[in-house]
Each structure stands twice: as structure tokens, then as C-alpha cells.
Amino acid sequence: MDTLAKWFLKTGFFLMLFGIILVLLKRHHPAGKLPGDLVLRSGRERLVLPFGTIGLGALVLTVYVNLLQRDRGNDS
């Protein structure tokens, strides 16, 4: 039960931190305009392929999951 409570606290803290980062990115550098994000325009249509944003999100989530596993002692 204690480990579940710690997991919820860590996850809540991570989500709060992620929300703050998103707010700051929106003010200073709009999300979806990172290097690697492609925007294709044809007339009035627009297609956005956010490869850079997806890569950054995957990197952040990988680090977070690895930190959770290290805390639990599952380094395998």
C-alpha cells in the first residue's frame, strides 16, 4: 500500500511538472513548432506531422519510467 501511495505522489508531481512545462512552452515556443515538426500546406489545407514533439515526449516518458523502475529496484 505504501508503494502505491508513493507511485501516485510521483505520478501526480510529474503531471504537474509536465503541465507547467507545457504552459511555459506555449508562451515562449508554441508546441508543434519544434525542430523536426513538419507542416505541409496545400491551398487551404494543412497537415502537421509533429515528429520532433513526439520524440521529445518519448524521451521524457522514458526517463520518467526508468526513474520509477530504479526507485522500485527493478533494474532488469
PDB file of N, CA and C in Angstrom:
ATOM      1  N   MET A   1       0.824  -1.193   0.000  1.00  0.00           N
ATOM      2  CA  MET A   1       0.000   0.000   0.000  1.00  0.00           C
ATOM      3  C   MET A   1       0.867   1.256   0.000  1.00  0.00           C
ATOM      4  N   ASP A   2       1.978   1.200   0.731  1.00  0.00           N
ATOM      5  CA  ASP A   2       2.868   2.350   0.818  1.00  0.00           C
ATOM      6  C   ASP A   2       3.494   2.653  -0.541  1.00  0.00           C
ATOM      7  N   THR A   3       3.848   1.600  -1.292  1.00  0.00           N
ATOM      8  CA  THR A   3       4.455   1.824  -2.603  1.00  0.00           C
ATOM      9  C   THR A   3       3.444   2.403  -3.590  1.00  0.00           C
ATOM     10  N   LEU A   4       2.185   2.012  -3.466  1.00  0.00           N
ATOM     11  CA  LEU A   4       1.152   2.565  -4.342  1.00  0.00           C
ATOM     12  C   LEU A   4       0.964   4.057  -4.068  1.00  0.00           C
ATOM     13  N   ALA A   5       0.982   4.443  -2.801  1.00  0.00           N
ATOM     14  CA  ALA A   5       0.850   5.859  -2.445  1.00  0.00           C
ATOM     15  C   ALA A   5       2.027   6.659  -2.986  1.00  0.00           C
ATOM     16  N   LYS A   6       3.229   6.112  -2.878  1.00  0.00           N
ATOM     17  CA  LYS A   6       4.409   6.796  -3.419  1.00  0.00           C
ATOM     18  C   LYS A   6       4.305   6.931  -4.932  1.00  0.00           C
ATOM     19  N   TRP A   7       3.812   5.889  -5.580  1.00  0.00           N
ATOM     20  CA  TRP A   7       3.677   5.937  -7.035  1.00  0.00           C
ATOM     21  C   TRP A   7       2.698   7.034  -7.445  1.00  0.00           C
ATOM     22  N   PHE A   8       1.553   7.129  -6.733  1.00  0.00           N
ATOM     23  CA  PHE A   8       0.574   8.175  -7.041  1.00  0.00           C
ATOM     24  C   PHE A   8       1.155   9.568  -6.804  1.00  0.00           C
ATOM     25  N   LEU A   9       1.926   9.737  -5.733  1.00  0.00           N
ATOM     26  CA  LEU A   9       2.539  11.035  -5.465  1.00  0.00           C
ATOM     27  C   LEU A   9       3.535  11.412  -6.556  1.00  0.00           C
ATOM     28  N   LYS A  10       4.363  10.465  -6.956  1.00  0.00           N
ATOM     29  CA  LYS A  10       5.351  10.741  -8.006  1.00  0.00           C
ATOM     30  C   LYS A  10       4.674  11.026  -9.337  1.00  0.00           C
ATOM     31  N   THR A  11       3.647  10.264  -9.653  1.00  0.00           N
ATOM     32  CA  THR A  11       2.935  10.481 -10.913  1.00  0.00           C
ATOM     33  C   THR A  11       2.226  11.834 -10.903  1.00  0.00           C
ATOM     34  N   GLY A  12       1.614  12.190  -9.794  1.00  0.00           N
ATOM     35  CA  GLY A  12       0.962  13.495  -9.684  1.00  0.00           C
ATOM     36  C   GLY A  12       1.953  14.636  -9.809  1.00  0.00           C
ATOM     37  N   PHE A  13       3.110  14.485  -9.173  1.00  0.00           N
ATOM     38  CA  PHE A  13       4.146  15.511  -9.282  1.00  0.00           C
ATOM     39  C   PHE A  13       4.628  15.637 -10.719  1.00  0.00           C
ATOM     40  N   PHE A  14       4.829  14.503 -11.388  1.00  0.00           N
ATOM     41  CA  PHE A  14       5.276  14.521 -12.781  1.00  0.00           C
ATOM     42  C   PHE A  14       4.244  15.202 -13.673  1.00  0.00           C
ATOM     43  N   LEU A  15       2.965  14.895 -13.488  1.00  0.00           N
ATOM     44  CA  LEU A  15       1.924  15.519 -14.301  1.00  0.00           C
ATOM     45  C   LEU A  15       1.847  17.024 -14.056  1.00  0.00           C
ATOM     46  N   MET A  16       2.020  17.439 -12.809  1.00  0.00           N
ATOM     47  CA  MET A  16       2.020  18.865 -12.500  1.00  0.00           C
ATOM     48  C   MET A  16       3.216  19.556 -13.161  1.00  0.00           C
ATOM     49  N   LEU A  17       4.382  18.936 -13.071  1.00  0.00           N
ATOM     50  CA  LEU A  17       5.579  19.485 -13.699  1.00  0.00           C
ATOM     51  C   LEU A  17       5.421  19.548 -15.214  1.00  0.00           C
ATOM     52  N   PHE A  18       4.854  18.506 -15.792  1.00  0.00           N
ATOM     53  CA  PHE A  18       4.626  18.465 -17.238  1.00  0.00           C
ATOM     54  C   PHE A  18       3.648  19.560 -17.663  1.00  0.00           C
ATOM     55  N   GLY A  19       2.617  19.804 -16.867  1.00  0.00           N
ATOM     56  CA  GLY A  19       1.666  20.874 -17.165  1.00  0.00           C
ATOM     57  C   GLY A  19       2.315  22.246 -17.127  1.00  0.00           C
ATOM     58  N   ILE A  20       3.182  22.469 -16.142  1.00  0.00           N
ATOM     59  CA  ILE A  20       3.897  23.746 -16.057  1.00  0.00           C
ATOM     60  C   ILE A  20       4.798  23.926 -17.271  1.00  0.00           C
ATOM     61  N   ILE A  21       5.481  22.865 -17.672  1.00  0.00           N
ATOM     62  CA  ILE A  21       6.349  22.937 -18.848  1.00  0.00           C
ATOM     63  C   ILE A  21       5.532  23.251 -20.093  1.00  0.00           C
ATOM     64  N   LEU A  22       4.367  22.636 -20.233  1.00  0.00           N
ATOM     65  CA  LEU A  22       3.521  22.920 -21.393  1.00  0.00           C
ATOM     66  C   LEU A  22       3.066  24.377 -21.421  1.00  0.00           C
ATOM     67  N   VAL A  23       2.720  24.932 -20.260  1.00  0.00           N
ATOM     68  CA  VAL A  23       2.306  26.338 -20.203  1.00  0.00           C
ATOM     69  C   VAL A  23       3.464  27.241 -20.614  1.00  0.00           C
ATOM     70  N   LEU A  24       4.667  26.953 -20.111  1.00  0.00           N
ATOM     71  CA  LEU A  24       5.827  27.769 -20.470  1.00  0.00           C
ATOM     72  C   LEU A  24       6.172  27.635 -21.945  1.00  0.00           C
ATOM     73  N   LEU A  25       6.061  26.434 -22.489  1.00  0.00           N
ATOM     74  CA  LEU A  25       6.337  26.246 -23.912  1.00  0.00           C
ATOM     75  C   LEU A  25       5.333  26.999 -24.771  1.00  0.00           C
ATOM     76  N   LYS A  26       4.094  27.031 -24.348  1.00  0.00           N
ATOM     77  CA  LYS A  26       3.065  27.721 -25.131  1.00  0.00           C
ATOM     78  C   LYS A  26       3.338  29.220 -25.180  1.00  0.00           C
ATOM     79  N   ARG A  27       3.826  29.769 -24.089  1.00  0.00           N
ATOM     80  CA  ARG A  27       4.120  31.204 -24.053  1.00  0.00           C
ATOM     81  C   ARG A  27       5.351  31.551 -24.879  1.00  0.00           C
ATOM     82  N   HIS A  28       6.387  30.756 -24.777  1.00  0.00           N
ATOM     83  CA  HIS A  28       7.668  31.119 -25.377  1.00  0.00           C
ATOM     84  C   HIS A  28       7.949  30.419 -26.700  1.00  0.00           C
ATOM     85  N   HIS A  29       7.505  29.214 -26.843  1.00  0.00           N
ATOM     86  CA  HIS A  29       7.765  28.450 -28.066  1.00  0.00           C
ATOM     87  C   HIS A  29       6.586  27.514 -28.279  1.00  0.00           C
ATOM     88  N   PRO A  30       5.661  27.887 -29.131  1.00  0.00           N
ATOM     89  CA  PRO A  30       4.445  27.081 -29.286  1.00  0.00           C
ATOM     90  C   PRO A  30       4.748  25.614 -29.596  1.00  0.00           C
ATOM     91  N   ALA A  31       4.080  24.727 -28.896  1.00  0.00           N
ATOM     92  CA  ALA A  31       4.250  23.299 -29.148  1.00  0.00           C
ATOM     93  C   ALA A  31       3.833  22.991 -30.576  1.00  0.00           C
ATOM     94  N   GLY A  32       4.525  22.063 -31.199  1.00  0.00           N
ATOM     95  CA  GLY A  32       4.245  21.723 -32.584  1.00  0.00           C
ATOM     96  C   GLY A  32       5.146  22.456 -33.554  1.00  0.00           C
ATOM     97  N   LYS A  33       6.005  23.312 -33.037  1.00  0.00           N
ATOM     98  CA  LYS A  33       6.936  24.029 -33.899  1.00  0.00           C
ATOM     99  C   LYS A  33       8.373  23.748 -33.482  1.00  0.00           C
ATOM    100  N   LEU A  34       8.620  22.574 -32.956  1.00  0.00           N
ATOM    101  CA  LEU A  34       9.969  22.171 -32.600  1.00  0.00           C
ATOM    102  C   LEU A  34      10.716  21.743 -33.857  1.00  0.00           C
ATOM    103  N   PRO A  35      12.052  21.741 -33.804  1.00  0.00           N
ATOM    104  CA  PRO A  35      12.795  21.208 -34.949  1.00  0.00           C
ATOM    105  C   PRO A  35      12.391  19.755 -35.190  1.00  0.00           C
ATOM    106  N   GLY A  36      12.131  19.406 -36.401  1.00  0.00           N
ATOM    107  CA  GLY A  36      11.684  18.061 -36.734  1.00  0.00           C
ATOM    108  C   GLY A  36      10.190  17.966 -36.973  1.00  0.00           C
ATOM    109  N   ASP A  37       9.435  18.978 -36.584  1.00  0.00           N
ATOM    110  CA  ASP A  37       7.996  19.013 -36.854  1.00  0.00           C
ATOM    111  C   ASP A  37       7.777  19.507 -38.282  1.00  0.00           C
ATOM    112  N   LEU A  38       6.973  18.785 -39.024  1.00  0.00           N
ATOM    113  CA  LEU A  38       6.711  19.145 -40.417  1.00  0.00           C
ATOM    114  C   LEU A  38       5.295  19.680 -40.562  1.00  0.00           C
ATOM    115  N   VAL A  39       5.164  20.757 -41.319  1.00  0.00           N
ATOM    116  CA  VAL A  39       3.849  21.318 -41.638  1.00  0.00           C
ATOM    117  C   VAL A  39       3.756  21.383 -43.152  1.00  0.00           C
ATOM    118  N   LEU A  40       2.800  20.643 -43.717  1.00  0.00           N
ATOM    119  CA  LEU A  40       2.599  20.622 -45.164  1.00  0.00           C
ATOM    120  C   LEU A  40       1.329  21.392 -45.483  1.00  0.00           C
ATOM    121  N   ARG A  41       1.449  22.366 -46.391  1.00  0.00           N
ATOM    122  CA  ARG A  41       0.293  23.192 -46.760  1.00  0.00           C
ATOM    123  C   ARG A  41      -0.004  23.021 -48.239  1.00  0.00           C
ATOM    124  N   SER A  42      -1.278  22.941 -48.550  1.00  0.00           N
ATOM    125  CA  SER A  42      -1.724  22.872 -49.938  1.00  0.00           C
ATOM    126  C   SER A  42      -3.040  23.631 -50.027  1.00  0.00           C
ATOM    127  N   GLY A  43      -2.962  24.854 -50.503  1.00  0.00           N
ATOM    128  CA  GLY A  43      -4.174  25.673 -50.564  1.00  0.00           C
ATOM    129  C   GLY A  43      -4.653  26.019 -49.175  1.00  0.00           C
ATOM    130  N   ARG A  44      -5.902  25.646 -48.881  1.00  0.00           N
ATOM    131  CA  ARG A  44      -6.470  25.936 -47.559  1.00  0.00           C
ATOM    132  C   ARG A  44      -6.260  24.794 -46.574  1.00  0.00           C
ATOM    133  N   GLU A  45      -5.685  23.700 -47.014  1.00  0.00           N
ATOM    134  CA  GLU A  45      -5.496  22.540 -46.138  1.00  0.00           C
ATOM    135  C   GLU A  45      -4.100  22.559 -45.529  1.00  0.00           C
ATOM    136  N   ARG A  46      -4.011  21.972 -44.331  1.00  0.00           N
ATOM    137  CA  ARG A  46      -2.731  21.916 -43.633  1.00  0.00           C
ATOM    138  C   ARG A  46      -2.609  20.560 -42.947  1.00  0.00           C
ATOM    139  N   LEU A  47      -1.446  19.937 -43.071  1.00  0.00           N
ATOM    140  CA  LEU A  47      -1.165  18.664 -42.417  1.00  0.00           C
ATOM    141  C   LEU A  47       0.055  18.864 -41.528  1.00  0.00           C
ATOM    142  N   VAL A  48      -0.086  18.558 -40.241  1.00  0.00           N
ATOM    143  CA  VAL A  48       1.006  18.731 -39.288  1.00  0.00           C
ATOM    144  C   VAL A  48       1.502  17.351 -38.879  1.00  0.00           C
ATOM    145  N   LEU A  49       2.808  17.125 -39.017  1.00  0.00           N
ATOM    146  CA  LEU A  49       3.448  15.877 -38.598  1.00  0.00           C
ATOM    147  C   LEU A  49       4.462  16.226 -37.502  1.00  0.00           C
ATOM    148  N   PRO A  50       4.082  16.085 -36.230  1.00  0.00           N
ATOM    149  CA  PRO A  50       4.927  16.561 -35.129  1.00  0.00           C
ATOM    150  C   PRO A  50       5.987  15.544 -34.687  1.00  0.00           C
ATOM    151  N   PHE A  51       6.914  15.199 -35.574  1.00  0.00           N
ATOM    152  CA  PHE A  51       7.936  14.205 -35.238  1.00  0.00           C
ATOM    153  C   PHE A  51       8.836  14.672 -34.094  1.00  0.00           C
ATOM    154  N   GLY A  52       9.224  15.934 -34.087  1.00  0.00           N
ATOM    155  CA  GLY A  52      10.075  16.460 -33.019  1.00  0.00           C
ATOM    156  C   GLY A  52       9.380  16.450 -31.668  1.00  0.00           C
ATOM    157  N   THR A  53       8.118  16.837 -31.646  1.00  0.00           N
ATOM    158  CA  THR A  53       7.349  16.857 -30.402  1.00  0.00           C
ATOM    159  C   THR A  53       7.145  15.441 -29.864  1.00  0.00           C
ATOM    160  N   ILE A  54       6.865  14.501 -30.753  1.00  0.00           N
ATOM    161  CA  ILE A  54       6.688  13.106 -30.341  1.00  0.00           C
ATOM    162  C   ILE A  54       7.995  12.546 -29.787  1.00  0.00           C
ATOM    163  N   GLY A  55       9.104  12.868 -30.438  1.00  0.00           N
ATOM    164  CA  GLY A  55      10.411  12.409 -29.960  1.00  0.00           C
ATOM    165  C   GLY A  55      10.735  12.953 -28.583  1.00  0.00           C
ATOM    166  N   LEU A  56      10.451  14.231 -28.364  1.00  0.00           N
ATOM    167  CA  LEU A  56      10.700  14.838 -27.057  1.00  0.00           C
ATOM    168  C   LEU A  56       9.818  14.203 -25.984  1.00  0.00           C
ATOM    169  N   GLY A  57       8.547  13.980 -26.306  1.00  0.00           N
ATOM    170  CA  GLY A  57       7.648  13.332 -25.349  1.00  0.00           C
ATOM    171  C   GLY A  57       8.091  11.921 -25.009  1.00  0.00           C
ATOM    172  N   ALA A  58       8.546  11.173 -26.011  1.00  0.00           N
ATOM    173  CA  ALA A  58       9.025   9.806 -25.778  1.00  0.00           C
ATOM    174  C   ALA A  58      10.265   9.811 -24.894  1.00  0.00           C
ATOM    175  N   LEU A  59      11.146  10.771 -25.111  1.00  0.00           N
ATOM    176  CA  LEU A  59      12.357  10.872 -24.294  1.00  0.00           C
ATOM    177  C   LEU A  59      12.011  11.182 -22.840  1.00  0.00           C
ATOM    178  N   VAL A  60      11.111  12.122 -22.626  1.00  0.00           N
ATOM    179  CA  VAL A  60      10.712  12.493 -21.265  1.00  0.00           C
ATOM    180  C   VAL A  60      10.035  11.316 -20.566  1.00  0.00           C
ATOM    181  N   LEU A  61       9.136  10.625 -21.255  1.00  0.00           N
ATOM    182  CA  LEU A  61       8.458   9.479 -20.643  1.00  0.00           C
ATOM    183  C   LEU A  61       9.421   8.328 -20.361  1.00  0.00           C
ATOM    184  N   THR A  62      10.406   8.114 -21.226  1.00  0.00           N
ATOM    185  CA  THR A  62      11.396   7.062 -20.999  1.00  0.00           C
ATOM    186  C   THR A  62      12.210   7.345 -19.746  1.00  0.00           C
ATOM    187  N   VAL A  63      12.645   8.584 -19.590  1.00  0.00           N
ATOM    188  CA  VAL A  63      13.404   8.952 -18.392  1.00  0.00           C
ATOM    189  C   VAL A  63      12.542   8.772 -17.149  1.00  0.00           C
ATOM    190  N   TYR A  64      11.280   9.177 -17.213  1.00  0.00           N
ATOM    191  CA  TYR A  64      10.384   9.048 -16.062  1.00  0.00           C
ATOM    192  C   TYR A  64      10.169   7.586 -15.673  1.00  0.00           C
ATOM    193  N   VAL A  65       9.906   6.730 -16.644  1.00  0.00           N
ATOM    194  CA  VAL A  65       9.677   5.310 -16.353  1.00  0.00           C
ATOM    195  C   VAL A  65      10.944   4.677 -15.792  1.00  0.00           C
ATOM    196  N   ASN A  66      12.107   5.036 -16.326  1.00  0.00           N
ATOM    197  CA  ASN A  66      13.359   4.495 -15.803  1.00  0.00           C
ATOM    198  C   ASN A  66      13.599   4.943 -14.368  1.00  0.00           C
ATOM    199  N   LEU A  67      13.256   6.179 -14.048  1.00  0.00           N
ATOM    200  CA  LEU A  67      13.395   6.639 -12.666  1.00  0.00           C
ATOM    201  C   LEU A  67      12.446   5.894 -11.736  1.00  0.00           C
ATOM    202  N   LEU A  68      11.225   5.622 -12.186  1.00  0.00           N
ATOM    203  CA  LEU A  68      10.289   4.843 -11.371  1.00  0.00           C
ATOM    204  C   LEU A  68      10.803   3.431 -11.135  1.00  0.00           C
ATOM    205  N   GLN A  69      11.345   2.804 -12.171  1.00  0.00           N
ATOM    206  CA  GLN A  69      11.855   1.442 -12.022  1.00  0.00           C
ATOM    207  C   GLN A  69      13.065   1.408 -11.102  1.00  0.00           C
ATOM    208  N   ARG A  70      13.906   2.411 -11.177  1.00  0.00           N
ATOM    209  CA  ARG A  70      15.087   2.453 -10.320  1.00  0.00           C
ATOM    210  C   ARG A  70      14.671   2.578  -8.863  1.00  0.00           C
ATOM    211  N   ASP A  71      13.633   3.380  -8.584  1.00  0.00           N
ATOM    212  CA  ASP A  71      13.142   3.529  -7.215  1.00  0.00           C
ATOM    213  C   ASP A  71      12.580   2.219  -6.683  1.00  0.00           C
ATOM    214  N   ARG A  72      11.958   1.445  -7.552  1.00  0.00           N
ATOM    215  CA  ARG A  72      11.362   0.176  -7.131  1.00  0.00           C
ATOM    216  C   ARG A  72      12.394  -0.929  -7.038  1.00  0.00           C
ATOM    217  N   GLY A  73      13.592  -0.710  -7.566  1.00  0.00           N
ATOM    218  CA  GLY A  73      14.631  -1.726  -7.511  1.00  0.00           C
ATOM    219  C   GLY A  73      14.562  -2.718  -8.644  1.00  0.00           C
ATOM    220  N   ASN A  74      13.832  -2.418  -9.707  1.00  0.00           N
ATOM    221  CA  ASN A  74      13.712  -3.300 -10.870  1.00  0.00           C
ATOM    222  C   ASN A  74      14.628  -2.801 -11.973  1.00  0.00           C
ATOM    223  N   ASP A  75      15.918  -3.053 -11.866  1.00  0.00           N
ATOM    224  CA  ASP A  75      16.873  -2.572 -12.862  1.00  0.00           C
ATOM    225  C   ASP A  75      17.081  -3.565 -13.988  1.00  0.00           C
ATOM    226  N   SER A  76      16.233  -4.559 -14.114  1.00  0.00           N
ATOM    227  CA  SER A  76      16.420  -5.563 -15.165  1.00  0.00           C
ATOM    228  C   SER A  76      15.874  -5.120 -16.479  1.00  0.00           C
TER     229      SER A  76
END
